[in-house]
Amino acid sequence: MVNHALVLDLVEHAKTVPTGGTFTIEVPTGDPDVSRQTLEAWCGRTGNELVELAGSTARVRRGRSSDPLAGLTPDQLPGTRLWMYTNFDCNLACDYCCVRSSPQTERRALGIDRVRQLASEAVDAGVSELILTGGEPFLLPDLDEVVEVCTSRLPTTLLTNGMLFKGMRLERLRRMDRDRLTLQISIDSPTPEIHDSHRGKRSWERAVDGIRIAHEEGFRVKVAATLPADQVHELEPFHDFLDSIGIARPDQVIRALAHRGVSETGIELTVESLIPEVTITADGVYWHPIAADHDDQLVSRQIFPLKVAIDEVRTRFIEHRRRADASAAWFPCA
């Protein structure tokens, strides 16, 4: 059944916008199924696109939109990588921590059972890499088991400040799979004083020692640096330093400071401006690891099934892309 009056209205409204533009139209009250079928049929036959039908109002794009995921590199596609916050407590209290971690922060551990289920479901959900972060994961007494359930399924990256590689924690590190695990350690400056001013006394020295130990133990090491936005283009001395301690150029991750967590300055990052990286914490599913402690980027409290969570993030991202005038920005964390 077709609502012919609605078709005539669609034709008239379409004349008012250029190709690529959108228009809204009031849908006659009555049988909502007939109205939707009419809208979808008209759009399908005329090469237009039904963007949204909410109540009695429809929004239609004249002409079809381009693929909202076009232009993204493979590792930018939402759900390609899965982030897991193993915990939120940390041995440091960095003054720009995006998730407010510190020695006083509640652990809020994800737990090995949930990590095991996430790792198990990840392959079927299209995930190709797992990333474990915190807090400081090496505070967990079962971290080697957590890492093992991940590396047994997919290549895994473990974020750490690199300061705890001694005693039992070093033994846990030695039990991890060197072929399937990459360690990512944070260093924010080639100058100890600058790094320590943000992360604590002797933290630079201990992080560099951590990189040395990780290399000696046979692990691939990446380094991630957080810099003020006005310094991210003055990087050659930083790259030279990282070269000197054995960090390959592709493994040097440098990003701008974000205004999140305890940071009082930095760039503003919103759901609309970020390409999502699906992130799981003990509290739910988040849009991006930079905001995994902020309700404005909470996607769902329901973690499982993982594929449903990933599909929801992708769906929302596609909607944002279709509505946005400019592409979202890539904010690398690994």
Protein backbone atom coordinates (compact mmCIF):
# COMPACT_ATOMS: atom_id res chain seq x y z
CA MET A 1 0.00 0.00 0.00
CA VAL A 2 1.31 3.46 -0.91
CA ASN A 3 0.36 6.81 0.60
CA HIS A 4 0.12 8.85 -2.61
CA ALA A 5 -0.25 12.16 -0.80
CA LEU A 6 3.03 11.52 0.95
CA VAL A 7 4.72 10.73 -2.37
CA LEU A 8 3.56 14.07 -3.81
CA ASP A 9 4.89 15.89 -0.74
CA LEU A 10 8.22 14.12 -1.10
CA VAL A 11 8.53 15.19 -4.72
CA GLU A 12 7.80 18.83 -3.87
CA HIS A 13 10.18 18.93 -0.91
CA ALA A 14 12.98 17.31 -2.92
CA LYS A 15 12.86 20.23 -5.35
CA THR A 16 13.90 22.60 -2.57
CA VAL A 17 17.35 21.12 -1.81
CA PRO A 18 20.46 20.43 -3.89
CA THR A 19 21.91 16.97 -4.30
CA GLY A 20 23.46 15.89 -1.03
CA GLY A 21 21.21 18.16 1.02
CA THR A 22 18.50 16.99 3.40
CA PHE A 23 14.93 18.03 4.01
CA THR A 24 12.37 17.19 6.67
CA ILE A 25 8.79 16.29 5.97
CA GLU A 26 5.80 15.72 8.19
CA VAL A 27 4.46 12.20 7.77
CA PRO A 28 0.63 11.94 7.76
CA THR A 29 -0.71 10.33 10.90
CA GLY A 30 -2.38 7.03 10.39
CA ASP A 31 -0.77 3.70 9.70
CA PRO A 32 2.96 4.18 10.53
CA ASP A 33 3.92 1.02 8.63
CA VAL A 34 2.36 2.39 5.43
CA SER A 35 4.23 5.68 5.88
CA ARG A 36 7.59 3.93 6.39
CA GLN A 37 7.00 1.60 3.44
CA THR A 38 6.09 4.58 1.26
CA LEU A 39 9.19 6.52 2.31
CA GLU A 40 11.51 3.56 1.77
CA ALA A 41 9.95 2.65 -1.57
CA TRP A 42 10.12 6.24 -2.88
CA CYS A 43 13.71 6.67 -1.76
CA GLY A 44 14.70 3.35 -3.31
CA ARG A 45 13.15 4.18 -6.68
CA THR A 46 14.37 7.76 -6.86
CA GLY A 47 17.93 7.29 -5.65
CA ASN A 48 17.37 9.23 -2.43
CA GLU A 49 17.98 8.14 1.16
CA LEU A 50 15.77 7.95 4.22
CA VAL A 51 18.05 9.26 6.96
CA GLU A 52 15.66 9.13 9.90
CA LEU A 53 12.01 8.59 10.77
CA ALA A 54 11.18 9.82 14.27
CA GLY A 55 7.54 9.95 15.20
CA SER A 56 5.70 11.94 12.54
CA THR A 57 8.84 13.60 11.12
CA ALA A 58 11.07 12.12 8.43
CA ARG A 59 14.44 13.39 7.26
CA VAL A 60 15.44 12.56 3.70
CA ARG A 61 18.71 13.11 1.86
CA ARG A 62 18.48 14.04 -1.82
CA GLY A 63 20.79 11.54 -3.46
CA ARG A 64 22.58 8.81 -1.58
CA SER A 65 25.36 9.55 0.86
CA SER A 66 28.81 8.14 0.28
CA ASP A 67 30.06 5.24 2.36
CA PRO A 68 30.42 6.77 5.87
CA LEU A 69 33.41 4.51 6.55
CA ALA A 70 35.20 5.37 3.31
CA GLY A 71 38.60 6.92 3.81
CA LEU A 72 39.36 5.13 7.08
CA THR A 73 42.46 2.98 7.23
CA PRO A 74 41.87 -0.66 8.25
CA ASP A 75 43.02 -0.07 11.85
CA GLN A 76 40.64 2.89 12.19
CA LEU A 77 37.48 0.90 11.47
CA PRO A 78 35.45 0.73 14.71
CA GLY A 79 35.80 -2.67 16.32
CA THR A 80 39.04 -3.64 14.60
CA ARG A 81 40.83 -3.19 17.92
CA LEU A 82 39.28 -3.88 21.32
CA TRP A 83 40.48 -1.96 24.38
CA MET A 84 40.06 -3.40 27.86
CA TYR A 85 40.70 -1.47 31.07
CA THR A 86 42.05 -4.19 33.33
CA ASN A 87 41.96 -1.85 36.35
CA PHE A 88 41.98 1.83 37.29
CA ASP A 89 44.37 1.97 40.25
CA CYS A 90 47.95 3.02 39.52
CA ASN A 91 51.31 3.46 41.23
CA LEU A 92 51.48 6.99 39.73
CA ALA A 93 49.21 10.02 39.88
CA CYS A 94 50.00 11.77 36.59
CA ASP A 95 48.64 15.28 36.38
CA TYR A 96 46.93 14.69 33.03
CA CYS A 97 45.62 11.15 33.45
CA CYS A 98 42.55 10.86 31.23
CA VAL A 99 40.79 8.39 33.57
CA ARG A 100 41.88 9.85 36.93
CA SER A 101 44.04 6.90 37.99
CA SER A 102 46.21 7.09 41.11
CA PRO A 103 47.28 4.98 44.11
CA GLN A 104 44.03 6.10 45.79
CA THR A 105 41.74 5.16 42.88
CA GLU A 106 39.41 2.20 43.32
CA ARG A 107 40.66 -0.82 41.38
CA ARG A 108 37.45 -1.56 39.43
CA ALA A 109 39.11 -4.59 37.87
CA LEU A 110 37.58 -6.06 34.76
CA GLY A 111 38.51 -9.51 36.04
CA ILE A 112 39.90 -12.55 34.30
CA ASP A 113 36.49 -14.16 33.71
CA ARG A 114 35.21 -11.18 31.73
CA VAL A 115 38.53 -10.81 29.92
CA ARG A 116 38.36 -14.49 28.96
CA GLN A 117 34.84 -14.09 27.57
CA LEU A 118 35.77 -10.90 25.70
CA ALA A 119 38.82 -12.53 24.16
CA SER A 120 36.75 -15.56 23.21
CA GLU A 121 34.03 -13.49 21.51
CA ALA A 122 36.44 -11.02 19.91
CA VAL A 123 37.45 -13.13 16.91
CA ASP A 124 33.87 -13.79 15.78
CA ALA A 125 33.11 -10.10 16.33
CA GLY A 126 35.78 -9.10 13.79
CA VAL A 127 38.42 -7.89 16.25
CA SER A 128 42.01 -8.30 15.09
CA GLU A 129 43.93 -6.91 18.11
CA LEU A 130 43.37 -6.71 21.86
CA ILE A 131 44.74 -3.85 23.95
CA LEU A 132 45.04 -4.02 27.74
CA THR A 133 45.39 -0.81 29.70
CA GLY A 134 44.76 0.77 33.09
CA GLY A 135 45.51 2.17 35.66
CA GLU A 136 48.68 0.20 35.88
CA PRO A 137 48.00 -3.42 34.86
CA PHE A 138 51.15 -4.74 36.58
CA LEU A 139 49.49 -4.06 39.94
CA LEU A 140 47.21 -7.03 39.25
CA PRO A 141 48.40 -10.29 40.85
CA ASP A 142 46.95 -12.35 37.96
CA LEU A 143 48.13 -10.19 35.07
CA ASP A 144 50.11 -13.00 33.47
CA GLU A 145 46.93 -15.10 33.34
CA VAL A 146 44.95 -12.17 31.93
CA VAL A 147 47.55 -11.66 29.21
CA GLU A 148 47.67 -15.38 28.42
CA VAL A 149 43.92 -15.63 27.73
CA CYS A 150 44.27 -12.66 25.36
CA THR A 151 47.42 -13.73 23.49
CA SER A 152 46.00 -17.23 23.07
CA ARG A 153 43.28 -15.64 20.91
CA LEU A 154 44.75 -12.54 19.25
CA PRO A 155 47.86 -10.35 19.10
CA THR A 156 47.81 -8.16 22.19
CA THR A 157 49.31 -4.86 23.32
CA LEU A 158 49.78 -4.16 27.03
CA LEU A 159 50.08 -0.54 28.20
CA THR A 160 52.25 0.07 31.26
CA ASN A 161 54.45 2.74 32.81
CA GLY A 162 57.26 0.17 32.83
CA MET A 163 58.27 0.91 36.41
CA LEU A 164 57.37 -2.36 38.13
CA PHE A 165 59.54 -4.94 36.36
CA LYS A 166 61.12 -6.55 39.41
CA GLY A 167 60.46 -9.42 41.82
CA MET A 168 57.24 -11.34 41.25
CA ARG A 169 56.09 -8.80 38.66
CA LEU A 170 59.18 -9.44 36.57
CA GLU A 171 58.45 -13.17 36.83
CA ARG A 172 54.92 -12.51 35.55
CA LEU A 173 56.37 -10.56 32.64
CA ARG A 174 58.70 -13.45 31.81
CA ARG A 175 55.71 -15.82 31.58
CA MET A 176 54.11 -13.72 28.83
CA ASP A 177 54.17 -14.63 25.13
CA ARG A 178 56.89 -12.61 23.39
CA ASP A 179 55.58 -13.47 19.92
CA ARG A 180 52.01 -12.30 20.58
CA LEU A 181 52.50 -9.47 23.09
CA THR A 182 53.75 -5.93 22.57
CA LEU A 183 54.51 -3.69 25.54
CA GLN A 184 53.67 0.01 25.25
CA ILE A 185 55.46 2.23 27.77
CA SER A 186 54.82 5.93 28.40
CA ILE A 187 57.59 8.51 28.11
CA ASP A 188 56.60 12.13 27.60
CA SER A 189 59.94 13.82 26.97
CA PRO A 190 63.57 13.13 26.15
CA THR A 191 64.22 15.36 29.18
CA PRO A 192 63.78 13.67 32.59
CA GLU A 193 62.75 16.91 34.32
CA ILE A 194 59.79 17.50 32.00
CA HIS A 195 58.54 13.93 32.21
CA ASP A 196 58.96 13.81 36.00
CA SER A 197 57.10 17.12 36.47
CA HIS A 198 53.95 15.37 35.23
CA ARG A 199 54.45 11.79 36.41
CA GLY A 200 56.56 11.96 39.55
CA LYS A 201 60.18 11.98 40.70
CA ARG A 202 62.47 9.45 38.98
CA SER A 203 59.60 8.14 36.84
CA TRP A 204 61.52 8.93 33.61
CA GLU A 205 64.58 7.02 34.78
CA ARG A 206 62.51 4.04 35.86
CA ALA A 207 60.50 4.02 32.61
CA VAL A 208 63.70 4.00 30.55
CA ASP A 209 64.99 1.15 32.72
CA GLY A 210 61.69 -0.64 32.06
CA ILE A 211 62.21 -0.35 28.32
CA ARG A 212 65.72 -1.76 28.68
CA ILE A 213 64.45 -4.71 30.74
CA ALA A 214 61.61 -5.39 28.29
CA HIS A 215 64.07 -5.42 25.40
CA GLU A 216 66.43 -7.70 27.28
CA GLU A 217 63.52 -10.07 27.92
CA GLY A 218 62.80 -10.20 24.19
CA PHE A 219 59.65 -8.08 23.95
CA ARG A 220 58.73 -5.62 21.24
CA VAL A 221 58.31 -2.20 22.86
CA LYS A 222 56.30 0.79 21.70
CA VAL A 223 56.53 4.18 23.38
CA ALA A 224 53.57 6.53 23.75
CA ALA A 225 54.09 10.20 24.54
CA THR A 226 51.57 12.83 25.60
CA LEU A 227 52.56 16.39 24.66
CA PRO A 228 50.88 19.79 24.81
CA ALA A 229 49.15 20.52 21.51
CA ASP A 230 51.59 23.31 20.63
CA GLN A 231 54.55 20.91 20.88
CA VAL A 232 53.39 17.96 18.78
CA HIS A 233 55.03 19.39 15.65
CA GLU A 234 58.46 19.87 17.24
CA LEU A 235 59.34 16.23 17.44
CA GLU A 236 62.69 15.52 15.83
CA PRO A 237 64.70 15.64 19.10
CA PHE A 238 62.12 13.33 20.66
CA HIS A 239 62.32 10.90 17.75
CA ASP A 240 66.12 10.97 17.94
CA PHE A 241 65.98 10.08 21.63
CA LEU A 242 63.55 7.21 21.05
CA ASP A 243 65.75 5.98 18.21
CA SER A 244 68.68 5.93 20.63
CA ILE A 245 66.89 3.61 23.08
CA GLY A 246 65.86 1.15 20.38
CA ILE A 247 62.27 2.18 19.61
CA ALA A 248 61.45 1.77 15.92
CA ARG A 249 59.84 4.79 14.25
CA PRO A 250 56.51 2.99 13.61
CA ASP A 251 56.42 2.21 17.35
CA GLN A 252 56.73 5.84 18.42
CA VAL A 253 53.19 7.04 19.25
CA ILE A 254 52.95 10.75 19.95
CA ARG A 255 49.61 12.43 20.65
CA ALA A 256 48.34 15.74 21.96
CA LEU A 257 47.23 16.27 25.54
CA ALA A 258 43.48 15.81 25.91
CA HIS A 259 41.25 17.81 28.22
CA ARG A 260 39.99 14.75 30.08
CA GLY A 261 40.24 13.26 33.54
CA VAL A 262 42.44 15.36 35.83
CA SER A 263 43.95 17.41 33.01
CA GLU A 264 43.02 21.08 33.25
CA THR A 265 44.08 21.83 29.66
CA GLY A 266 44.24 20.07 26.30
CA ILE A 267 42.18 19.53 23.19
CA GLU A 268 38.47 18.85 23.54
CA LEU A 269 37.46 15.39 22.39
CA THR A 270 33.80 14.48 22.00
CA VAL A 271 31.85 11.54 20.60
CA GLU A 272 31.16 13.60 17.50
CA SER A 273 34.81 14.49 16.93
CA LEU A 274 36.42 11.11 17.62
CA ILE A 275 36.72 8.01 15.52
CA PRO A 276 35.70 5.40 18.10
CA GLU A 277 37.89 2.68 19.50
CA VAL A 278 35.60 0.24 21.30
CA THR A 279 36.61 0.22 24.95
CA ILE A 280 35.44 -2.09 27.73
CA THR A 281 35.68 -1.38 31.45
CA ALA A 282 34.10 -2.99 34.48
CA ASP A 283 31.38 -0.35 34.14
CA GLY A 284 30.42 -0.88 30.49
CA VAL A 285 31.22 -0.08 26.87
CA TYR A 286 32.82 3.26 26.01
CA TRP A 287 33.41 5.14 22.77
CA HIS A 288 37.15 5.67 23.20
CA PRO A 289 39.87 4.83 25.77
CA ILE A 290 40.60 8.53 26.30
CA ALA A 291 37.17 8.89 27.95
CA ALA A 292 36.61 5.51 29.59
CA ASP A 293 35.75 7.17 32.90
CA HIS A 294 33.30 9.74 31.51
CA ASP A 295 29.55 9.28 31.13
CA ASP A 296 29.36 11.42 27.98
CA GLN A 297 31.14 8.63 26.08
CA LEU A 298 29.40 5.68 27.71
CA VAL A 299 27.73 3.60 25.00
CA SER A 300 26.16 0.85 27.10
CA ARG A 301 26.33 -0.73 30.54
CA GLN A 302 25.81 -4.09 28.81
CA ILE A 303 29.15 -5.59 27.78
CA PHE A 304 27.93 -8.88 26.34
CA PRO A 305 27.40 -10.08 23.69
CA LEU A 306 30.52 -8.27 22.47
CA LYS A 307 29.39 -8.23 18.83
CA VAL A 308 26.22 -6.38 19.82
CA ALA A 309 28.29 -3.77 21.65
CA ILE A 310 30.61 -3.31 18.67
CA ASP A 311 27.68 -3.10 16.25
CA GLU A 312 26.11 -0.39 18.40
CA VAL A 313 29.30 1.69 18.32
CA ARG A 314 29.55 1.28 14.54
CA THR A 315 25.91 2.22 14.05
CA ARG A 316 26.27 5.38 16.12
CA PHE A 317 29.50 6.29 14.35
CA ILE A 318 27.88 5.91 10.93
CA GLU A 319 25.03 8.14 12.05
CA HIS A 320 27.49 10.78 13.27
CA ARG A 321 29.46 10.60 10.03
CA ARG A 322 26.35 11.04 7.94
CA ARG A 323 25.29 14.06 9.93
CA ALA A 324 28.68 15.69 10.25
CA ASP A 325 30.01 18.33 7.90
CA ALA A 326 33.58 17.18 8.51
CA SER A 327 35.20 13.84 9.28
CA ALA A 328 35.99 12.91 12.83
CA ALA A 329 39.62 13.21 13.90
CA TRP A 330 41.87 10.23 14.59
CA PHE A 331 43.31 10.29 18.12
CA PRO A 332 45.87 7.48 18.37
CA CYS A 333 46.48 5.72 21.65
CA ALA A 334 48.54 2.79 20.39
